[in-house]
C-alpha atoms as a PDB file:
ATOM      1  CA  MET A   1     -34.702 -35.807 -19.454  1.00  0.00           C
ATOM      2  CA  ALA A   2     -37.318 -33.254 -20.534  1.00  0.00           C
ATOM      3  CA  ASP A   3     -36.896 -30.567 -23.371  1.00  0.00           C
ATOM      4  CA  ALA A   4     -39.077 -27.610 -24.328  1.00  0.00           C
ATOM      5  CA  ILE A   5     -38.638 -24.707 -26.531  1.00  0.00           C
ATOM      6  CA  VAL A   6     -40.390 -21.733 -25.378  1.00  0.00           C
ATOM      7  CA  LEU A   7     -41.509 -18.758 -27.721  1.00  0.00           C
ATOM      8  CA  ILE A   8     -41.340 -15.161 -25.534  1.00  0.00           C
ATOM      9  CA  THR A   9     -42.932 -12.125 -26.304  1.00  0.00           C
ATOM     10  CA  THR A  10     -41.545  -9.239 -24.456  1.00  0.00           C
ATOM     11  CA  GLU A  11     -42.253  -5.477 -24.109  1.00  0.00           C
ATOM     12  CA  SER A  12     -40.400  -3.935 -26.892  1.00  0.00           C
ATOM     13  CA  ASP A  13     -37.672  -1.873 -24.982  1.00  0.00           C
ATOM     14  CA  MET A  14     -37.009  -5.058 -22.634  1.00  0.00           C
ATOM     15  CA  VAL A  15     -35.988  -7.646 -25.281  1.00  0.00           C
ATOM     16  CA  SER A  16     -32.222  -7.581 -24.408  1.00  0.00           C
ATOM     17  CA  GLU A  17     -32.573  -7.081 -20.615  1.00  0.00           C
ATOM     18  CA  ALA A  18     -35.425  -9.947 -20.581  1.00  0.00           C
ATOM     19  CA  ALA A  19     -32.879 -12.423 -22.566  1.00  0.00           C
ATOM     20  CA  LYS A  20     -30.290 -11.698 -20.111  1.00  0.00           C
ATOM     21  CA  ARG A  21     -32.088 -12.691 -16.943  1.00  0.00           C
ATOM     22  CA  ILE A  22     -33.627 -15.541 -18.527  1.00  0.00           C
ATOM     23  CA  VAL A  23     -30.687 -17.223 -19.763  1.00  0.00           C
ATOM     24  CA  GLU A  24     -29.305 -17.150 -16.041  1.00  0.00           C
ATOM     25  CA  LEU A  25     -32.102 -19.221 -15.083  1.00  0.00           C
ATOM     26  CA  ASP A  26     -31.451 -22.789 -14.034  1.00  0.00           C
ATOM     27  CA  GLY A  27     -32.491 -25.189 -16.987  1.00  0.00           C
ATOM     28  CA  VAL A  28     -32.381 -22.548 -19.913  1.00  0.00           C
ATOM     29  CA  GLN A  29     -29.641 -23.727 -21.997  1.00  0.00           C
ATOM     30  CA  ASP A  30     -29.600 -20.983 -24.663  1.00  0.00           C
ATOM     31  CA  VAL A  31     -31.889 -17.791 -25.690  1.00  0.00           C
ATOM     32  CA  TYR A  32     -32.241 -16.625 -29.012  1.00  0.00           C
ATOM     33  CA  SER A  33     -33.406 -13.096 -30.027  1.00  0.00           C
ATOM     34  CA  VAL A  34     -35.539 -13.896 -33.540  1.00  0.00           C
ATOM     35  CA  ALA A  35     -37.254 -12.025 -36.019  1.00  0.00           C
ATOM     36  CA  GLY A  36     -41.102 -12.739 -36.475  1.00  0.00           C
ATOM     37  CA  ASP A  37     -44.274 -12.986 -34.238  1.00  0.00           C
ATOM     38  CA  VAL A  38     -42.072 -13.484 -31.050  1.00  0.00           C
ATOM     39  CA  ASP A  39     -38.911 -11.713 -29.573  1.00  0.00           C
ATOM     40  CA  LEU A  40     -37.132 -14.605 -27.800  1.00  0.00           C
ATOM     41  CA  VAL A  41     -36.802 -18.322 -28.265  1.00  0.00           C
ATOM     42  CA  ALA A  42     -35.481 -20.154 -25.183  1.00  0.00           C
ATOM     43  CA  VAL A  43     -34.402 -23.698 -25.263  1.00  0.00           C
ATOM     44  CA  VAL A  44     -35.020 -25.394 -21.830  1.00  0.00           C
ATOM     45  CA  SER A  45     -33.964 -28.862 -20.375  1.00  0.00           C
ATOM     46  CA  THR A  46     -34.585 -30.356 -17.335  1.00  0.00           C
ATOM     47  CA  ASP A  47     -33.931 -33.655 -15.496  1.00  0.00           C
ATOM     48  CA  HIS A  48     -37.697 -34.395 -14.900  1.00  0.00           C
ATOM     49  CA  PHE A  49     -40.900 -33.173 -16.614  1.00  0.00           C
ATOM     50  CA  GLU A  50     -42.123 -31.699 -13.609  1.00  0.00           C
ATOM     51  CA  ASP A  51     -38.946 -29.441 -13.299  1.00  0.00           C
ATOM     52  CA  LEU A  52     -39.996 -27.524 -16.296  1.00  0.00           C
ATOM     53  CA  THR A  53     -43.032 -25.740 -13.999  1.00  0.00           C
ATOM     54  CA  SER A  54     -40.154 -23.885 -12.024  1.00  0.00           C
ATOM     55  CA  VAL A  55     -38.232 -22.872 -15.231  1.00  0.00           C
ATOM     56  CA  ILE A  56     -41.204 -21.952 -17.399  1.00  0.00           C
ATOM     57  CA  PRO A  57     -44.280 -20.465 -15.597  1.00  0.00           C
ATOM     58  CA  GLU A  58     -42.448 -19.890 -12.302  1.00  0.00           C
ATOM     59  CA  GLY A  59     -39.315 -18.690 -14.153  1.00  0.00           C
ATOM     60  CA  ILE A  60     -39.317 -17.251 -17.656  1.00  0.00           C
ATOM     61  CA  ALA A  61     -42.937 -15.961 -17.424  1.00  0.00           C
ATOM     62  CA  LYS A  62     -42.257 -13.976 -14.117  1.00  0.00           C
ATOM     63  CA  VAL A  63     -39.048 -12.082 -15.804  1.00  0.00           C
ATOM     64  CA  ASP A  64     -39.903  -8.467 -16.026  1.00  0.00           C
ATOM     65  CA  GLY A  65     -40.549  -7.694 -19.451  1.00  0.00           C
ATOM     66  CA  VAL A  66     -42.018 -10.811 -20.731  1.00  0.00           C
ATOM     67  CA  VAL A  67     -45.650 -10.389 -21.595  1.00  0.00           C
ATOM     68  CA  GLY A  68     -46.389 -13.999 -23.165  1.00  0.00           C
ATOM     69  CA  THR A  69     -44.892 -17.516 -23.624  1.00  0.00           C
ATOM     70  CA  GLN A  70     -45.806 -20.484 -25.557  1.00  0.00           C
ATOM     71  CA  THR A  71     -44.169 -23.684 -25.003  1.00  0.00           C
ATOM     72  CA  LEU A  72     -43.374 -26.463 -27.163  1.00  0.00           C
ATOM     73  CA  MET A  73     -42.611 -29.766 -25.608  1.00  0.00           C
ATOM     74  CA  ALA A  74     -40.305 -31.932 -27.090  1.00  0.00           C
ATOM     75  CA  PHE A  75     -40.875 -35.538 -27.854  1.00  0.00           C
ATOM     76  CA  ARG A  76     -37.813 -36.798 -29.775  1.00  0.00           C
ATOM     77  CA  THR A  77     -34.421 -35.039 -30.570  1.00  0.00           C
ATOM     78  CA  TYR A  78     -32.708 -35.541 -33.958  1.00  0.00           C
ATOM     79  CA  SER A  79     -29.360 -34.427 -34.547  1.00  0.00           C
ATOM     80  CA  ARG A  80     -26.594 -35.370 -36.849  1.00  0.00           C
ATOM     81  CA  GLU A  81     -24.111 -36.534 -34.168  1.00  0.00           C
ATOM     82  CA  ASP A  82     -26.740 -39.007 -33.191  1.00  0.00           C
ATOM     83  CA  GLU A  83     -27.259 -40.287 -36.742  1.00  0.00           C
ATOM     84  CA  GLN A  84     -23.616 -40.255 -37.569  1.00  0.00           C
ATOM     85  CA  ALA A  85     -23.268 -42.185 -34.099  1.00  0.00           C
ATOM     86  CA  ALA A  86     -25.932 -44.960 -35.487  1.00  0.00           C
ATOM     87  CA  PHE A  87     -24.011 -45.321 -38.654  1.00  0.00           C
ATOM     88  CA  ASP A  88     -20.794 -45.724 -36.903  1.00  0.00           C
ATOM     89  CA  LEU A  89     -22.126 -48.629 -35.035  1.00  0.00           C
ATOM     90  CA  GLY A  90     -23.357 -50.222 -38.098  1.00  0.00           C
ATOM     91  CA  GLY A  91     -27.077 -49.065 -37.391  1.00  0.00           C
ATOM     92  CA  ASP A  92     -29.132 -48.267 -40.873  1.00  0.00           C
END
């Protein structure tokens, strides 16, 4: 499994339209409209690392209105559910 967080900058009048197109791409789990230096944040998950190229540079980056992306690769996932499951199994 390969996961990434993609920070996306769009043209100012294309934020909503770009988000709607991005969330329809295979591998994109969620798209958030955010305040700050970027306009959108996408959560991407694929079966294989190589599949990220079809989702990010060949997909997200080519959506009308997208002017730039920055990708953060996930190495390890931490979640409350995982932590609770470990304690339920007797792990510390």
